[in-house]
Amino acid sequence: MNSLKKIFNFYIFSNIHVAIAGFCLAKITLIKFDIHSNLAPLLIGFSIIISYNFIRYFEIDSKRLGWFKSWFLQNEIRLVWVSVLAFLSSVYIILFTKFNLESLFIVIPFGFITVFYAIPIFKIGKFEVSFRNFPAIKIFSIAIAWAGVTVLFPLLEQGYHFDNNVYLTFFQRVIILIAYTIPFDIRDINFDEKQLKTIPQLVGIKNSKIVGTILLSIFVLMGFLKNNYFEKDILSDVIIAIIAFLFLWNSKTKQSRYYTSFFVEAIPILWFLEVVVFFW
């Protein structure tokens, strides 16, 4: 049992779980646009493992993590191997498949947001300049970066012409990702610095859940604005919005670390499985 727990912890905290979630979000985009390709989603998943583990190295060095630091140091060699394998897999996709190299240019600004979120580019006195340290920007930078990478990038890689439906899907994704991220800010409300001004810090926990509920409602309603929308598309949005709503309202400040790190992070995976049932 102890061995299974160690494997489970490694799966979560090595960022494999969140990488699968990223893969699923990209696949959802492609499936809904009737495109069947795995190149961009796989590259996204591998890139998440590389970038997130790199960010963790920086955070360990800057003493930003608590209990996670000891786990990280105990598994450092394994994490390096996972990251190296992810890097080699990324290189293979980029150089030895029919991957559209020009599509990588759209990833640059979103990748910059992701890295700049955690790693300061420069300092002004003792103040580290990063998105993490700008009031109220944290949640929006995460949502915009993930939406860009999981909506615009995979479609561009496939040469899809951007139209009204693409942009609506992008803004839908930003909105649901903001709602999806609120449980993490609720979890961290007692640990985040006050100047971050996250949604729970600004309006309180209950009002944050109300804000999230409004965002999920807007996410669903935006689906009706798409050209030639399908009932199954709307239905899949409604179902995932309900699932996200339940996780949102069950969020607490004192909760198992697995609640957000595993269950909430699994929402994109559940969404993918649901979309597969409706569209394939």
C-alpha atoms as a PDB file:
ATOM      1  CA  MET A   1       0.000   0.000   0.000  1.00  0.00           C
ATOM      2  CA  ASN A   2       2.852   2.362   0.854  1.00  0.00           C
ATOM      3  CA  SER A   3       4.459   1.665  -2.543  1.00  0.00           C
ATOM      4  CA  LEU A   4       1.205   2.460  -4.348  1.00  0.00           C
ATOM      5  CA  LYS A   5       0.967   5.733  -2.464  1.00  0.00           C
ATOM      6  CA  LYS A   6       4.521   6.637  -3.488  1.00  0.00           C
ATOM      7  CA  ILE A   7       3.704   5.897  -7.130  1.00  0.00           C
ATOM      8  CA  PHE A   8       0.492   7.915  -6.878  1.00  0.00           C
ATOM      9  CA  ASN A   9       2.317  10.856  -5.286  1.00  0.00           C
ATOM     10  CA  PHE A  10       4.977  10.752  -7.977  1.00  0.00           C
ATOM     11  CA  TYR A  11       2.307  10.711 -10.681  1.00  0.00           C
ATOM     12  CA  ILE A  12       0.731  13.852  -9.224  1.00  0.00           C
ATOM     13  CA  PHE A  13       3.692  15.861  -7.984  1.00  0.00           C
ATOM     14  CA  SER A  14       5.976  15.140 -10.949  1.00  0.00           C
ATOM     15  CA  ASN A  15       3.376  17.005 -13.020  1.00  0.00           C
ATOM     16  CA  ILE A  16       2.433  13.966 -15.102  1.00  0.00           C
ATOM     17  CA  HIS A  17      -1.186  14.418 -13.992  1.00  0.00           C
ATOM     18  CA  VAL A  18      -1.325  18.072 -15.043  1.00  0.00           C
ATOM     19  CA  ALA A  19       0.463  17.181 -18.299  1.00  0.00           C
ATOM     20  CA  ILE A  20      -2.287  14.685 -19.117  1.00  0.00           C
ATOM     21  CA  ALA A  21      -4.815  17.407 -18.308  1.00  0.00           C
ATOM     22  CA  GLY A  22      -3.061  19.717 -20.786  1.00  0.00           C
ATOM     23  CA  PHE A  23      -3.073  16.973 -23.408  1.00  0.00           C
ATOM     24  CA  CYS A  24      -6.811  16.490 -22.850  1.00  0.00           C
ATOM     25  CA  LEU A  25      -7.608  20.207 -23.175  1.00  0.00           C
ATOM     26  CA  ALA A  26      -5.810  20.334 -26.527  1.00  0.00           C
ATOM     27  CA  LYS A  27      -7.543  17.156 -27.725  1.00  0.00           C
ATOM     28  CA  ILE A  28     -10.923  18.614 -26.728  1.00  0.00           C
ATOM     29  CA  THR A  29     -10.222  21.585 -28.990  1.00  0.00           C
ATOM     30  CA  LEU A  30      -9.234  19.429 -31.951  1.00  0.00           C
ATOM     31  CA  ILE A  31     -12.118  16.995 -31.548  1.00  0.00           C
ATOM     32  CA  LYS A  32     -14.668  19.821 -31.401  1.00  0.00           C
ATOM     33  CA  PHE A  33     -13.234  21.193 -34.661  1.00  0.00           C
ATOM     34  CA  ASP A  34     -13.339  17.709 -36.203  1.00  0.00           C
ATOM     35  CA  ILE A  35      -9.558  17.361 -36.340  1.00  0.00           C
ATOM     36  CA  HIS A  36      -7.907  14.082 -35.392  1.00  0.00           C
ATOM     37  CA  SER A  37      -4.255  14.610 -34.519  1.00  0.00           C
ATOM     38  CA  ASN A  38      -2.096  13.911 -31.483  1.00  0.00           C
ATOM     39  CA  LEU A  39       1.088  15.834 -32.340  1.00  0.00           C
ATOM     40  CA  ALA A  40       0.310  19.196 -30.695  1.00  0.00           C
ATOM     41  CA  PRO A  41      -1.483  17.650 -27.671  1.00  0.00           C
ATOM     42  CA  LEU A  42       1.453  15.314 -27.024  1.00  0.00           C
ATOM     43  CA  LEU A  43       3.950  18.150 -27.385  1.00  0.00           C
ATOM     44  CA  ILE A  44       1.886  20.218 -24.943  1.00  0.00           C
ATOM     45  CA  GLY A  45       1.882  17.384 -22.404  1.00  0.00           C
ATOM     46  CA  PHE A  46       5.644  16.839 -22.642  1.00  0.00           C
ATOM     47  CA  SER A  47       6.306  20.589 -22.496  1.00  0.00           C
ATOM     48  CA  ILE A  48       4.234  20.895 -19.310  1.00  0.00           C
ATOM     49  CA  ILE A  49       6.378  18.250 -17.610  1.00  0.00           C
ATOM     50  CA  ILE A  50       9.576  20.032 -18.674  1.00  0.00           C
ATOM     51  CA  SER A  51       8.495  23.587 -17.849  1.00  0.00           C
ATOM     52  CA  TYR A  52       6.674  22.846 -14.593  1.00  0.00           C
ATOM     53  CA  ASN A  53       9.532  20.757 -13.211  1.00  0.00           C
ATOM     54  CA  PHE A  54      11.971  23.491 -14.234  1.00  0.00           C
ATOM     55  CA  ILE A  55       9.840  26.032 -12.392  1.00  0.00           C
ATOM     56  CA  ARG A  56       9.823  23.758  -9.345  1.00  0.00           C
ATOM     57  CA  TYR A  57      13.634  23.745  -9.368  1.00  0.00           C
ATOM     58  CA  PHE A  58      13.593  27.528  -9.240  1.00  0.00           C
ATOM     59  CA  GLU A  59      10.998  27.579  -6.473  1.00  0.00           C
ATOM     60  CA  ILE A  60      13.008  25.115  -4.405  1.00  0.00           C
ATOM     61  CA  ASP A  61      16.065  27.323  -4.789  1.00  0.00           C
ATOM     62  CA  SER A  62      14.120  30.450  -3.844  1.00  0.00           C
ATOM     63  CA  LYS A  63      12.575  28.737  -0.797  1.00  0.00           C
ATOM     64  CA  ARG A  64       8.969  29.301  -1.917  1.00  0.00           C
ATOM     65  CA  LEU A  65       7.738  25.774  -1.197  1.00  0.00           C
ATOM     66  CA  GLY A  66       6.869  24.175   2.121  1.00  0.00           C
ATOM     67  CA  TRP A  67       6.315  20.444   2.619  1.00  0.00           C
ATOM     68  CA  PHE A  68       6.831  19.838  -1.104  1.00  0.00           C
ATOM     69  CA  LYS A  69      10.527  20.669  -0.837  1.00  0.00           C
ATOM     70  CA  SER A  70      11.455  17.501   1.051  1.00  0.00           C
ATOM     71  CA  TRP A  71       9.441  15.308  -1.377  1.00  0.00           C
ATOM     72  CA  PHE A  72      11.057  17.058  -4.344  1.00  0.00           C
ATOM     73  CA  LEU A  73      14.584  16.538  -3.067  1.00  0.00           C
ATOM     74  CA  GLN A  74      13.884  12.857  -2.310  1.00  0.00           C
ATOM     75  CA  ASN A  75      12.679  12.324  -5.907  1.00  0.00           C
ATOM     76  CA  GLU A  76      15.057  14.696  -7.660  1.00  0.00           C
ATOM     77  CA  ILE A  77      16.797  12.051  -9.800  1.00  0.00           C
ATOM     78  CA  ARG A  78      13.487  10.515 -10.904  1.00  0.00           C
ATOM     79  CA  LEU A  79      12.170  13.967 -11.805  1.00  0.00           C
ATOM     80  CA  VAL A  80      15.253  14.641 -13.899  1.00  0.00           C
ATOM     81  CA  TRP A  81      14.738  11.381 -15.798  1.00  0.00           C
ATOM     82  CA  VAL A  82      11.069  12.117 -16.425  1.00  0.00           C
ATOM     83  CA  SER A  83      11.947  15.607 -17.658  1.00  0.00           C
ATOM     84  CA  VAL A  84      14.720  14.278 -19.919  1.00  0.00           C
ATOM     85  CA  LEU A  85      12.376  11.693 -21.448  1.00  0.00           C
ATOM     86  CA  ALA A  86       9.761  14.410 -21.989  1.00  0.00           C
ATOM     87  CA  PHE A  87      12.400  16.611 -23.645  1.00  0.00           C
ATOM     88  CA  LEU A  88      13.578  13.830 -25.978  1.00  0.00           C
ATOM     89  CA  SER A  89       9.970  13.025 -26.884  1.00  0.00           C
ATOM     90  CA  SER A  90       9.367  16.709 -27.682  1.00  0.00           C
ATOM     91  CA  VAL A  91      12.454  16.806 -29.902  1.00  0.00           C
ATOM     92  CA  TYR A  92      11.255  13.700 -31.736  1.00  0.00           C
ATOM     93  CA  ILE A  93       7.829  15.245 -32.420  1.00  0.00           C
ATOM     94  CA  ILE A  94       9.308  18.530 -33.640  1.00  0.00           C
ATOM     95  CA  LEU A  95      12.080  17.090 -35.832  1.00  0.00           C
ATOM     96  CA  PHE A  96      10.924  13.656 -36.968  1.00  0.00           C
ATOM     97  CA  THR A  97       7.169  13.943 -37.573  1.00  0.00           C
ATOM     98  CA  LYS A  98       4.979  16.046 -39.840  1.00  0.00           C
ATOM     99  CA  PHE A  99       4.692  18.654 -37.104  1.00  0.00           C
ATOM    100  CA  ASN A 100       4.104  22.218 -38.372  1.00  0.00           C
ATOM    101  CA  LEU A 101       7.161  24.092 -37.069  1.00  0.00           C
ATOM    102  CA  GLU A 102       5.701  27.524 -37.860  1.00  0.00           C
ATOM    103  CA  SER A 103       3.002  26.950 -35.247  1.00  0.00           C
ATOM    104  CA  LEU A 104       5.626  27.171 -32.490  1.00  0.00           C
ATOM    105  CA  PHE A 105       5.767  30.945 -32.901  1.00  0.00           C
ATOM    106  CA  ILE A 106       2.306  31.332 -31.353  1.00  0.00           C
ATOM    107  CA  VAL A 107       3.494  29.427 -28.264  1.00  0.00           C
ATOM    108  CA  ILE A 108       6.267  31.929 -27.490  1.00  0.00           C
ATOM    109  CA  PRO A 109       4.142  34.632 -25.779  1.00  0.00           C
ATOM    110  CA  PHE A 110       2.127  32.064 -23.819  1.00  0.00           C
ATOM    111  CA  GLY A 111       5.275  30.197 -22.806  1.00  0.00           C
ATOM    112  CA  PHE A 112       6.751  33.501 -21.679  1.00  0.00           C
ATOM    113  CA  ILE A 113       3.678  34.136 -19.501  1.00  0.00           C
ATOM    114  CA  THR A 114       4.011  30.673 -17.937  1.00  0.00           C
ATOM    115  CA  VAL A 115       7.707  31.054 -17.105  1.00  0.00           C
ATOM    116  CA  PHE A 116       7.426  34.726 -16.119  1.00  0.00           C
ATOM    117  CA  TYR A 117       4.596  33.784 -13.750  1.00  0.00           C
ATOM    118  CA  ALA A 118       6.984  31.985 -11.414  1.00  0.00           C
ATOM    119  CA  ILE A 119      10.460  33.152 -12.366  1.00  0.00           C
ATOM    120  CA  PRO A 120      11.284  36.860 -12.071  1.00  0.00           C
ATOM    121  CA  ILE A 121      13.052  38.276 -15.115  1.00  0.00           C
ATOM    122  CA  PHE A 122      14.627  41.068 -13.079  1.00  0.00           C
ATOM    123  CA  LYS A 123      14.444  42.815  -9.715  1.00  0.00           C
ATOM    124  CA  ILE A 124      13.706  46.371  -8.679  1.00  0.00           C
ATOM    125  CA  GLY A 125      15.438  46.654  -5.351  1.00  0.00           C
ATOM    126  CA  LYS A 126      14.126  43.714  -3.345  1.00  0.00           C
ATOM    127  CA  PHE A 127      10.970  43.413  -5.469  1.00  0.00           C
ATOM    128  CA  GLU A 128      10.968  40.477  -7.908  1.00  0.00           C
ATOM    129  CA  VAL A 129       9.199  41.364 -11.164  1.00  0.00           C
ATOM    130  CA  SER A 130       6.972  38.441 -12.207  1.00  0.00           C
ATOM    131  CA  PHE A 131       3.272  37.927 -12.886  1.00  0.00           C
ATOM    132  CA  ARG A 132       3.002  36.209  -9.504  1.00  0.00           C
ATOM    133  CA  ASN A 133       3.817  39.490  -7.784  1.00  0.00           C
ATOM    134  CA  PHE A 134       1.424  41.747  -9.695  1.00  0.00           C
ATOM    135  CA  PRO A 135      -1.911  42.245  -7.896  1.00  0.00           C
ATOM    136  CA  ALA A 136      -4.888  40.328  -9.364  1.00  0.00           C
ATOM    137  CA  ILE A 137      -2.911  39.164 -12.427  1.00  0.00           C
ATOM    138  CA  LYS A 138      -2.021  35.660 -11.221  1.00  0.00           C
ATOM    139  CA  ILE A 139      -5.237  33.861 -12.166  1.00  0.00           C
ATOM    140  CA  PHE A 140      -5.661  35.698 -15.477  1.00  0.00           C
ATOM    141  CA  SER A 141      -2.100  35.027 -16.637  1.00  0.00           C
ATOM    142  CA  ILE A 142      -2.521  31.301 -15.978  1.00  0.00           C
ATOM    143  CA  ALA A 143      -5.883  31.134 -17.791  1.00  0.00           C
ATOM    144  CA  ILE A 144      -4.716  33.114 -20.834  1.00  0.00           C
ATOM    145  CA  ALA A 145      -1.522  31.062 -21.185  1.00  0.00           C
ATOM    146  CA  TRP A 146      -3.333  27.731 -20.944  1.00  0.00           C
ATOM    147  CA  ALA A 147      -6.114  28.844 -23.294  1.00  0.00           C
ATOM    148  CA  GLY A 148      -3.608  30.026 -25.882  1.00  0.00           C
ATOM    149  CA  VAL A 149      -1.599  26.822 -25.738  1.00  0.00           C
ATOM    150  CA  THR A 150      -4.583  24.433 -25.722  1.00  0.00           C
ATOM    151  CA  VAL A 151      -6.845  26.243 -28.220  1.00  0.00           C
ATOM    152  CA  LEU A 152      -4.889  28.453 -30.625  1.00  0.00           C
ATOM    153  CA  PHE A 153      -1.689  26.393 -30.841  1.00  0.00           C
ATOM    154  CA  PRO A 154      -3.158  22.974 -31.783  1.00  0.00           C
ATOM    155  CA  LEU A 155      -5.488  24.552 -34.364  1.00  0.00           C
ATOM    156  CA  LEU A 156      -2.663  26.572 -35.913  1.00  0.00           C
ATOM    157  CA  GLU A 157      -0.436  23.507 -35.986  1.00  0.00           C
ATOM    158  CA  GLN A 158      -3.102  21.811 -38.095  1.00  0.00           C
ATOM    159  CA  GLY A 159      -3.406  24.814 -40.395  1.00  0.00           C
ATOM    160  CA  TYR A 160      -6.961  25.627 -39.319  1.00  0.00           C
ATOM    161  CA  HIS A 161      -8.180  29.055 -40.436  1.00  0.00           C
ATOM    162  CA  PHE A 162      -9.065  31.122 -37.384  1.00  0.00           C
ATOM    163  CA  ASP A 163     -12.707  32.185 -37.451  1.00  0.00           C
ATOM    164  CA  ASN A 164     -15.361  33.400 -35.026  1.00  0.00           C
ATOM    165  CA  ASN A 165     -15.737  29.936 -33.488  1.00  0.00           C
ATOM    166  CA  VAL A 166     -12.002  29.738 -32.731  1.00  0.00           C
ATOM    167  CA  TYR A 167     -11.974  33.051 -30.883  1.00  0.00           C
ATOM    168  CA  LEU A 168     -15.151  32.190 -28.988  1.00  0.00           C
ATOM    169  CA  THR A 169     -13.603  28.871 -27.990  1.00  0.00           C
ATOM    170  CA  PHE A 170     -10.479  30.706 -26.803  1.00  0.00           C
ATOM    171  CA  PHE A 171     -12.475  33.104 -24.602  1.00  0.00           C
ATOM    172  CA  GLN A 172     -14.640  30.222 -23.361  1.00  0.00           C
ATOM    173  CA  ARG A 173     -11.474  28.397 -22.353  1.00  0.00           C
ATOM    174  CA  VAL A 174     -10.106  31.460 -20.532  1.00  0.00           C
ATOM    175  CA  ILE A 175     -13.373  31.802 -18.595  1.00  0.00           C
ATOM    176  CA  ILE A 176     -13.665  28.160 -17.525  1.00  0.00           C
ATOM    177  CA  LEU A 177      -9.964  28.059 -16.590  1.00  0.00           C
ATOM    178  CA  ILE A 178     -10.412  31.078 -14.308  1.00  0.00           C
ATOM    179  CA  ALA A 179     -13.364  29.330 -12.629  1.00  0.00           C
ATOM    180  CA  TYR A 180     -11.376  26.081 -12.529  1.00  0.00           C
ATOM    181  CA  THR A 181      -8.433  27.846 -10.824  1.00  0.00           C
ATOM    182  CA  ILE A 182     -10.465  29.455  -8.019  1.00  0.00           C
ATOM    183  CA  PRO A 183     -10.338  26.287  -5.826  1.00  0.00           C
ATOM    184  CA  PHE A 184      -6.526  26.547  -5.881  1.00  0.00           C
ATOM    185  CA  ASP A 185      -6.677  30.168  -4.707  1.00  0.00           C
ATOM    186  CA  ILE A 186      -9.148  29.189  -1.981  1.00  0.00           C
ATOM    187  CA  ARG A 187      -6.716  26.491  -0.874  1.00  0.00           C
ATOM    188  CA  ASP A 188      -3.833  28.958  -0.805  1.00  0.00           C
ATOM    189  CA  ILE A 189      -5.662  31.942   0.709  1.00  0.00           C
ATOM    190  CA  ASN A 190      -3.831  31.577   4.041  1.00  0.00           C
ATOM    191  CA  PHE A 191      -0.437  31.155   2.347  1.00  0.00           C
ATOM    192  CA  ASP A 192      -0.520  33.596  -0.588  1.00  0.00           C
ATOM    193  CA  GLU A 193       0.946  36.996   0.144  1.00  0.00           C
ATOM    194  CA  LYS A 194      -1.750  39.648   0.599  1.00  0.00           C
ATOM    195  CA  GLN A 195      -0.448  41.816  -2.230  1.00  0.00           C
ATOM    196  CA  LEU A 196      -1.302  39.072  -4.741  1.00  0.00           C
ATOM    197  CA  LYS A 197      -4.973  40.056  -4.412  1.00  0.00           C
ATOM    198  CA  THR A 198      -6.377  36.756  -5.675  1.00  0.00           C
ATOM    199  CA  ILE A 199     -10.146  36.536  -6.124  1.00  0.00           C
ATOM    200  CA  PRO A 200     -10.705  34.925  -2.676  1.00  0.00           C
ATOM    201  CA  GLN A 201      -8.498  37.595  -1.094  1.00  0.00           C
ATOM    202  CA  LEU A 202     -10.444  40.367  -2.802  1.00  0.00           C
ATOM    203  CA  VAL A 203     -14.038  39.193  -2.335  1.00  0.00           C
ATOM    204  CA  GLY A 204     -13.885  36.336   0.172  1.00  0.00           C
ATOM    205  CA  ILE A 205     -14.361  32.605  -0.243  1.00  0.00           C
ATOM    206  CA  LYS A 206     -18.164  32.508  -0.629  1.00  0.00           C
ATOM    207  CA  ASN A 207     -18.222  35.394  -3.093  1.00  0.00           C
ATOM    208  CA  SER A 208     -15.382  33.741  -5.017  1.00  0.00           C
ATOM    209  CA  LYS A 209     -17.583  30.707  -5.487  1.00  0.00           C
ATOM    210  CA  ILE A 210     -20.384  32.974  -6.707  1.00  0.00           C
ATOM    211  CA  VAL A 211     -17.969  34.622  -9.153  1.00  0.00           C
ATOM    212  CA  GLY A 212     -16.913  31.165 -10.355  1.00  0.00           C
ATOM    213  CA  THR A 213     -20.548  30.154 -10.814  1.00  0.00           C
ATOM    214  CA  ILE A 214     -21.218  33.273 -12.907  1.00  0.00           C
ATOM    215  CA  LEU A 215     -18.153  32.530 -15.021  1.00  0.00           C
ATOM    216  CA  LEU A 216     -19.291  28.948 -15.606  1.00  0.00           C
ATOM    217  CA  SER A 217     -22.717  30.254 -16.680  1.00  0.00           C
ATOM    218  CA  ILE A 218     -21.067  32.668 -19.145  1.00  0.00           C
ATOM    219  CA  PHE A 219     -18.928  29.779 -20.424  1.00  0.00           C
ATOM    220  CA  VAL A 220     -22.061  27.797 -21.286  1.00  0.00           C
ATOM    221  CA  LEU A 221     -23.960  30.746 -22.778  1.00  0.00           C
ATOM    222  CA  MET A 222     -21.045  31.642 -25.053  1.00  0.00           C
ATOM    223  CA  GLY A 223     -21.503  28.299 -26.765  1.00  0.00           C
ATOM    224  CA  PHE A 224     -24.781  29.562 -28.252  1.00  0.00           C
ATOM    225  CA  LEU A 225     -22.895  32.382 -30.016  1.00  0.00           C
ATOM    226  CA  LYS A 226     -20.918  29.972 -32.195  1.00  0.00           C
ATOM    227  CA  ASN A 227     -21.799  29.557 -35.847  1.00  0.00           C
ATOM    228  CA  ASN A 228     -23.746  26.345 -36.471  1.00  0.00           C
ATOM    229  CA  TYR A 229     -23.382  25.133 -32.897  1.00  0.00           C
ATOM    230  CA  PHE A 230     -24.438  21.577 -32.146  1.00  0.00           C
ATOM    231  CA  GLU A 231     -26.640  20.438 -29.274  1.00  0.00           C
ATOM    232  CA  LYS A 232     -24.007  17.858 -28.254  1.00  0.00           C
ATOM    233  CA  ASP A 233     -21.430  20.660 -28.037  1.00  0.00           C
ATOM    234  CA  ILE A 234     -23.655  22.675 -25.705  1.00  0.00           C
ATOM    235  CA  LEU A 235     -24.530  19.572 -23.689  1.00  0.00           C
ATOM    236  CA  SER A 236     -20.866  18.686 -23.192  1.00  0.00           C
ATOM    237  CA  ASP A 237     -20.213  22.257 -21.990  1.00  0.00           C
ATOM    238  CA  VAL A 238     -23.137  22.075 -19.569  1.00  0.00           C
ATOM    239  CA  ILE A 239     -21.960  18.772 -18.090  1.00  0.00           C
ATOM    240  CA  ILE A 240     -18.392  19.941 -17.496  1.00  0.00           C
ATOM    241  CA  ALA A 241     -19.667  23.234 -16.068  1.00  0.00           C
ATOM    242  CA  ILE A 242     -21.769  21.283 -13.555  1.00  0.00           C
ATOM    243  CA  ILE A 243     -18.760  19.125 -12.606  1.00  0.00           C
ATOM    244  CA  ALA A 244     -16.578  22.231 -12.167  1.00  0.00           C
ATOM    245  CA  PHE A 245     -19.385  23.875 -10.167  1.00  0.00           C
ATOM    246  CA  LEU A 246     -19.516  20.943  -7.721  1.00  0.00           C
ATOM    247  CA  PHE A 247     -15.747  20.983  -7.188  1.00  0.00           C
ATOM    248  CA  LEU A 248     -15.806  24.759  -6.808  1.00  0.00           C
ATOM    249  CA  TRP A 249     -18.465  24.806  -4.100  1.00  0.00           C
ATOM    250  CA  ASN A 250     -16.850  21.940  -2.209  1.00  0.00           C
ATOM    251  CA  SER A 251     -13.537  23.838  -2.021  1.00  0.00           C
ATOM    252  CA  LYS A 252     -12.221  24.724   1.444  1.00  0.00           C
ATOM    253  CA  THR A 253      -9.116  26.303   2.909  1.00  0.00           C
ATOM    254  CA  LYS A 254      -8.371  23.180   4.929  1.00  0.00           C
ATOM    255  CA  GLN A 255      -8.662  20.211   2.634  1.00  0.00           C
ATOM    256  CA  SER A 256      -6.625  17.213   1.554  1.00  0.00           C
ATOM    257  CA  ARG A 257      -3.770  18.222  -0.758  1.00  0.00           C
ATOM    258  CA  TYR A 258      -5.161  15.640  -3.197  1.00  0.00           C
ATOM    259  CA  TYR A 259      -8.450  17.530  -3.584  1.00  0.00           C
ATOM    260  CA  THR A 260      -7.000  20.199  -5.870  1.00  0.00           C
ATOM    261  CA  SER A 261      -3.785  18.457  -6.964  1.00  0.00           C
ATOM    262  CA  PHE A 262      -5.625  15.347  -8.179  1.00  0.00           C
ATOM    263  CA  PHE A 263      -9.409  15.740  -8.288  1.00  0.00           C
ATOM    264  CA  VAL A 264      -9.727  19.353  -9.475  1.00  0.00           C
ATOM    265  CA  GLU A 265      -6.795  18.857 -11.857  1.00  0.00           C
ATOM    266  CA  ALA A 266      -8.710  15.876 -13.269  1.00  0.00           C
ATOM    267  CA  ILE A 267     -11.554  18.084 -14.581  1.00  0.00           C
ATOM    268  CA  PRO A 268      -9.982  18.397 -18.080  1.00  0.00           C
ATOM    269  CA  ILE A 269      -9.541  14.611 -18.156  1.00  0.00           C
ATOM    270  CA  LEU A 270     -13.215  14.088 -17.301  1.00  0.00           C
ATOM    271  CA  TRP A 271     -14.122  16.694 -19.926  1.00  0.00           C
ATOM    272  CA  PHE A 272     -12.067  14.858 -22.542  1.00  0.00           C
ATOM    273  CA  LEU A 273     -13.733  11.525 -21.766  1.00  0.00           C
ATOM    274  CA  GLU A 274     -17.109  13.189 -21.986  1.00  0.00           C
ATOM    275  CA  VAL A 275     -16.293  14.866 -25.329  1.00  0.00           C
ATOM    276  CA  VAL A 276     -15.069  11.538 -26.715  1.00  0.00           C
ATOM    277  CA  VAL A 277     -18.427   9.974 -25.867  1.00  0.00           C
ATOM    278  CA  PHE A 278     -20.349  12.816 -27.559  1.00  0.00           C
ATOM    279  CA  PHE A 279     -18.186  13.373 -30.639  1.00  0.00           C
ATOM    280  CA  TRP A 280     -16.588  10.028 -31.502  1.00  0.00           C
END
